[in-house]
Amino acid sequence: MREIVLDTETTGLDPLAGHRVVEVGCIELFNTVATGKTFHAYFNPQMIMPVGAQDIHGLTDEFLADKPLFADRVDEFLEFVGDAQLVIHNAQFDIGFLNAELERAGKAVLTNAYVDTVSMARRKMPGQRVSLDALCERFGIDNSSRTKHGALLDSELLAEVYLELSGGRQRDLGLAPEVAATGLLVAVDVVVRPARPHVASAAELAAHAEFLQKLKEPLWLKAEAA
């Protein structure tokens, strides 16, 4: 199953108030394993960055001044996402902002199925903190490089959190290595040993019987006596 882990950074909290998307980061998963394919872009929001938002993600007016508009890369973004299921932490926030940008660009809004990992975590861990940092801490995921919010980094961390919420790392076992060789989470080869092609010979059986005679108080005899 193809999924896209997605995160955005914005100039504020409400797209209806004119706030804009300034960064999008996407990670492609196949059967919950990262394939190594990503989409990442910064955008000029055509507005002054509020101090509160800059404190969260660190993106300044100077840094974003020469970046493209969302409309300039919208087709590339839509092609990458395709019809994949989206995996988003607090999905309504990001989808609301992306749909507002799509409407500005004259494109249809997103209709993809999606998983909200905030809701997923609350169902599995009622009463617990479910921020991305809290979930990284709970699952032992290294988020030490997350000094500021960043769409691509947060998507990478969320991909690992999503794997844990979906059942843990044991789900990697047996997945085709070529699917995940370049991803964040690499499938583990399962070695299947062939059955012995022949029965023991008479000499082997005799040697085995002789060895058993040398054992003192074998456990299986104790079990039978009990």
Protein backbone atom coordinates (compact mmCIF):
# COMPACT_ATOMS: atom_id res chain seq x y z
CA MET A 1 0.00 0.00 0.00
CA ARG A 2 1.38 3.40 -0.98
CA GLU A 3 1.14 6.15 1.64
CA ILE A 4 2.53 9.68 1.91
CA VAL A 5 3.62 11.02 5.29
CA LEU A 6 3.10 14.77 5.05
CA ASP A 7 3.77 17.89 7.09
CA THR A 8 3.54 21.64 6.48
CA GLU A 9 4.88 24.80 8.06
CA THR A 10 2.79 27.95 7.84
CA THR A 11 2.67 31.64 8.69
CA GLY A 12 -0.06 31.10 11.28
CA LEU A 13 -2.96 28.98 12.45
CA ASP A 14 -5.87 29.88 10.17
CA PRO A 15 -5.88 29.71 6.37
CA LEU A 16 -9.23 31.53 6.33
CA ALA A 17 -7.48 34.50 7.94
CA GLY A 18 -5.00 34.65 5.05
CA HIS A 19 -2.17 32.63 6.55
CA ARG A 20 -0.08 30.70 4.04
CA VAL A 21 1.96 27.53 3.62
CA VAL A 22 5.71 28.16 3.61
CA GLU A 23 7.06 24.59 3.60
CA VAL A 24 5.84 21.14 2.59
CA GLY A 25 7.65 17.89 3.30
CA CYS A 26 6.51 14.45 2.10
CA ILE A 27 7.90 10.94 2.58
CA GLU A 28 6.70 8.01 0.47
CA LEU A 29 5.94 4.73 2.26
CA PHE A 30 5.20 1.35 0.77
CA ASN A 31 3.66 -1.05 3.29
CA THR A 32 4.81 1.34 6.07
CA VAL A 33 8.44 1.22 4.85
CA ALA A 34 10.07 4.36 3.49
CA THR A 35 11.12 4.02 -0.15
CA GLY A 36 13.54 6.94 -0.16
CA LYS A 37 11.33 9.09 -2.40
CA THR A 38 10.50 12.54 -1.01
CA PHE A 39 8.99 15.87 -1.97
CA HIS A 40 10.27 18.97 -0.18
CA ALA A 41 9.79 22.64 -0.98
CA TYR A 42 9.84 26.10 0.60
CA PHE A 43 7.42 28.77 -0.63
CA ASN A 44 7.27 32.55 -0.65
CA PRO A 45 4.05 33.35 1.28
CA GLN A 46 3.77 36.88 -0.12
CA MET A 47 3.29 38.24 3.39
CA ILE A 48 5.42 39.20 6.38
CA MET A 49 6.26 36.29 8.65
CA PRO A 50 4.68 36.77 12.08
CA VAL A 51 7.14 36.55 14.96
CA GLY A 52 5.23 33.74 16.65
CA ALA A 53 5.36 31.53 13.57
CA GLN A 54 9.04 32.30 12.95
CA ASP A 55 9.83 31.24 16.52
CA ILE A 56 8.32 27.81 15.76
CA HIS A 57 9.98 26.97 12.43
CA GLY A 58 12.76 29.55 12.08
CA LEU A 59 11.84 30.53 8.50
CA THR A 60 12.52 34.22 7.97
CA ASP A 61 11.31 36.72 5.40
CA GLU A 62 14.86 36.93 4.02
CA PHE A 63 15.14 33.16 3.59
CA LEU A 64 11.76 32.85 1.84
CA ALA A 65 12.11 35.96 -0.36
CA ASP A 66 13.58 34.10 -3.36
CA LYS A 67 11.54 30.90 -2.97
CA PRO A 68 8.85 29.97 -5.53
CA LEU A 69 5.15 30.50 -4.99
CA PHE A 70 3.06 27.46 -4.07
CA ALA A 71 1.40 27.69 -7.48
CA ASP A 72 4.80 27.32 -9.17
CA ARG A 73 5.27 23.80 -7.79
CA VAL A 74 1.69 22.69 -7.25
CA ASP A 75 1.68 20.23 -10.17
CA GLU A 76 4.87 18.59 -8.90
CA PHE A 77 3.33 18.27 -5.44
CA LEU A 78 0.08 16.77 -6.75
CA GLU A 79 1.93 14.31 -8.97
CA PHE A 80 4.02 13.12 -6.02
CA VAL A 81 1.01 12.68 -3.75
CA GLY A 82 -1.20 11.06 -6.40
CA ASP A 83 -4.04 9.03 -4.90
CA ALA A 84 -1.98 7.71 -1.97
CA GLN A 85 -3.36 7.64 1.53
CA LEU A 86 -1.96 10.54 3.56
CA VAL A 87 -0.45 10.18 7.04
CA ILE A 88 -0.55 13.49 8.92
CA HIS A 89 -0.17 14.56 12.54
CA ASN A 90 -3.25 16.69 13.25
CA ALA A 91 -4.52 16.17 9.72
CA GLN A 92 -7.27 18.79 9.61
CA PHE A 93 -4.72 21.57 10.12
CA ASP A 94 -2.44 20.59 7.23
CA ILE A 95 -5.25 19.58 4.87
CA GLY A 96 -7.05 22.86 5.53
CA PHE A 97 -3.96 24.85 4.63
CA LEU A 98 -3.13 22.75 1.56
CA ASN A 99 -6.68 22.97 0.23
CA ALA A 100 -6.62 26.75 0.65
CA GLU A 101 -3.41 26.90 -1.38
CA LEU A 102 -4.82 24.56 -4.02
CA GLU A 103 -7.91 26.74 -4.40
CA ARG A 104 -5.71 29.84 -4.82
CA ALA A 105 -3.81 27.99 -7.54
CA GLY A 106 -7.04 27.00 -9.31
CA LYS A 107 -6.70 23.30 -8.47
CA ALA A 108 -9.14 20.80 -7.01
CA VAL A 109 -8.86 20.21 -3.28
CA LEU A 110 -7.41 17.01 -1.86
CA THR A 111 -9.82 14.09 -1.61
CA ASN A 112 -7.24 11.48 -0.55
CA ALA A 113 -8.01 9.14 2.31
CA TYR A 114 -5.90 10.03 5.31
CA VAL A 115 -4.74 8.80 8.70
CA ASP A 116 -4.59 11.34 11.53
CA THR A 117 -1.81 10.11 13.83
CA VAL A 118 -3.01 12.38 16.65
CA SER A 119 -6.37 10.57 16.71
CA MET A 120 -4.61 7.23 16.25
CA ALA A 121 -2.33 7.87 19.23
CA ARG A 122 -5.21 9.06 21.44
CA ARG A 123 -7.13 5.87 20.73
CA LYS A 124 -4.15 3.69 21.58
CA MET A 125 -2.93 5.75 24.55
CA PRO A 126 -5.87 7.59 26.10
CA GLY A 127 -4.87 10.33 28.50
CA GLN A 128 -1.24 10.40 27.32
CA ARG A 129 0.60 13.24 25.58
CA VAL A 130 0.45 12.79 21.81
CA SER A 131 2.62 15.60 20.46
CA LEU A 132 5.26 14.45 17.97
CA ASP A 133 8.02 15.03 20.53
CA ALA A 134 6.12 13.08 23.19
CA LEU A 135 5.56 10.14 20.84
CA CYS A 136 9.22 10.13 19.79
CA GLU A 137 10.15 9.97 23.47
CA ARG A 138 7.69 7.16 24.14
CA PHE A 139 8.94 5.02 21.26
CA GLY A 140 12.66 5.79 21.70
CA ILE A 141 12.96 7.67 18.39
CA ASP A 142 15.87 10.11 18.24
CA ASN A 143 14.50 13.61 17.69
CA SER A 144 17.54 15.48 19.01
CA SER A 145 17.96 17.32 15.69
CA ARG A 146 14.46 18.82 16.00
CA THR A 147 15.42 22.15 17.54
CA LYS A 148 12.83 23.84 15.29
CA HIS A 149 9.84 22.48 13.42
CA GLY A 150 10.66 21.48 9.85
CA ALA A 151 8.28 19.84 7.40
CA LEU A 152 10.65 17.22 5.99
CA LEU A 153 12.31 16.35 9.31
CA ASP A 154 8.94 16.12 11.02
CA SER A 155 7.68 13.83 8.25
CA GLU A 156 10.69 11.57 8.75
CA LEU A 157 10.04 11.38 12.49
CA LEU A 158 6.32 10.85 11.92
CA ALA A 159 7.03 7.96 9.55
CA GLU A 160 8.80 6.17 12.40
CA VAL A 161 6.07 7.07 14.89
CA TYR A 162 3.44 5.80 12.46
CA LEU A 163 5.23 2.48 12.16
CA GLU A 164 5.17 2.09 15.94
CA LEU A 165 1.51 3.08 16.17
CA SER A 166 0.74 0.56 13.40
CA GLY A 167 2.20 -2.36 15.32
CA GLY A 168 5.91 -1.82 15.71
CA ARG A 169 9.10 -2.69 13.93
CA GLN A 170 8.28 -6.39 13.64
CA ARG A 171 6.15 -5.42 10.63
CA ASP A 172 9.40 -4.96 8.66
CA LEU A 173 10.09 -8.70 8.69
CA GLY A 174 9.76 -10.37 5.32
CA LEU A 175 9.20 -7.24 3.22
CA ALA A 176 11.08 -7.24 -0.04
CA PRO A 177 14.51 -5.62 0.57
CA GLU A 178 14.41 -3.90 -2.81
CA VAL A 179 11.31 -1.97 -1.67
CA ALA A 180 13.00 -0.46 1.38
CA ALA A 181 16.72 -0.52 0.62
CA THR A 182 16.96 3.26 0.45
CA GLY A 183 14.36 4.13 3.05
CA LEU A 184 14.39 5.18 6.68
CA LEU A 185 13.32 1.73 7.76
CA VAL A 186 14.97 -1.17 5.99
CA ALA A 187 13.21 -4.50 5.59
CA VAL A 188 14.89 -7.42 7.33
CA ASP A 189 15.75 -10.53 5.32
CA VAL A 190 14.16 -13.70 6.69
CA VAL A 191 16.36 -16.75 6.13
CA VAL A 192 14.38 -19.95 5.56
CA ARG A 193 16.55 -23.03 6.04
CA PRO A 194 15.65 -26.08 3.93
CA ALA A 195 14.53 -29.26 5.66
CA ARG A 196 17.12 -32.04 6.05
CA PRO A 197 16.98 -34.01 2.80
CA HIS A 198 17.47 -37.46 4.39
CA VAL A 199 16.86 -39.40 7.61
CA ALA A 200 19.64 -40.27 10.05
CA SER A 201 21.78 -43.26 9.07
CA ALA A 202 22.14 -46.40 11.21
CA ALA A 203 25.62 -45.25 12.31
CA GLU A 204 24.28 -41.82 13.33
CA LEU A 205 21.44 -43.38 15.33
CA ALA A 206 23.89 -45.69 17.12
CA ALA A 207 26.20 -42.79 17.95
CA HIS A 208 23.25 -40.82 19.29
CA ALA A 209 22.13 -43.73 21.51
CA GLU A 210 25.67 -44.11 22.85
CA PHE A 211 25.79 -40.39 23.68
CA LEU A 212 22.48 -40.55 25.56
CA GLN A 213 23.82 -43.37 27.74
CA LYS A 214 26.54 -41.04 29.00
CA LEU A 215 24.07 -38.44 30.33
CA LYS A 216 23.35 -38.47 34.06
CA GLU A 217 19.80 -37.77 35.17
CA PRO A 218 18.49 -36.31 31.88
CA LEU A 219 15.68 -33.82 32.26
CA TRP A 220 13.21 -35.73 30.12
CA LEU A 221 13.36 -38.72 32.47
CA LYS A 222 12.60 -36.43 35.42
CA ALA A 223 9.62 -35.04 33.51
CA GLU A 224 8.30 -38.55 32.84
CA ALA A 225 8.71 -39.50 36.52
CA ALA A 226 6.76 -36.42 37.58
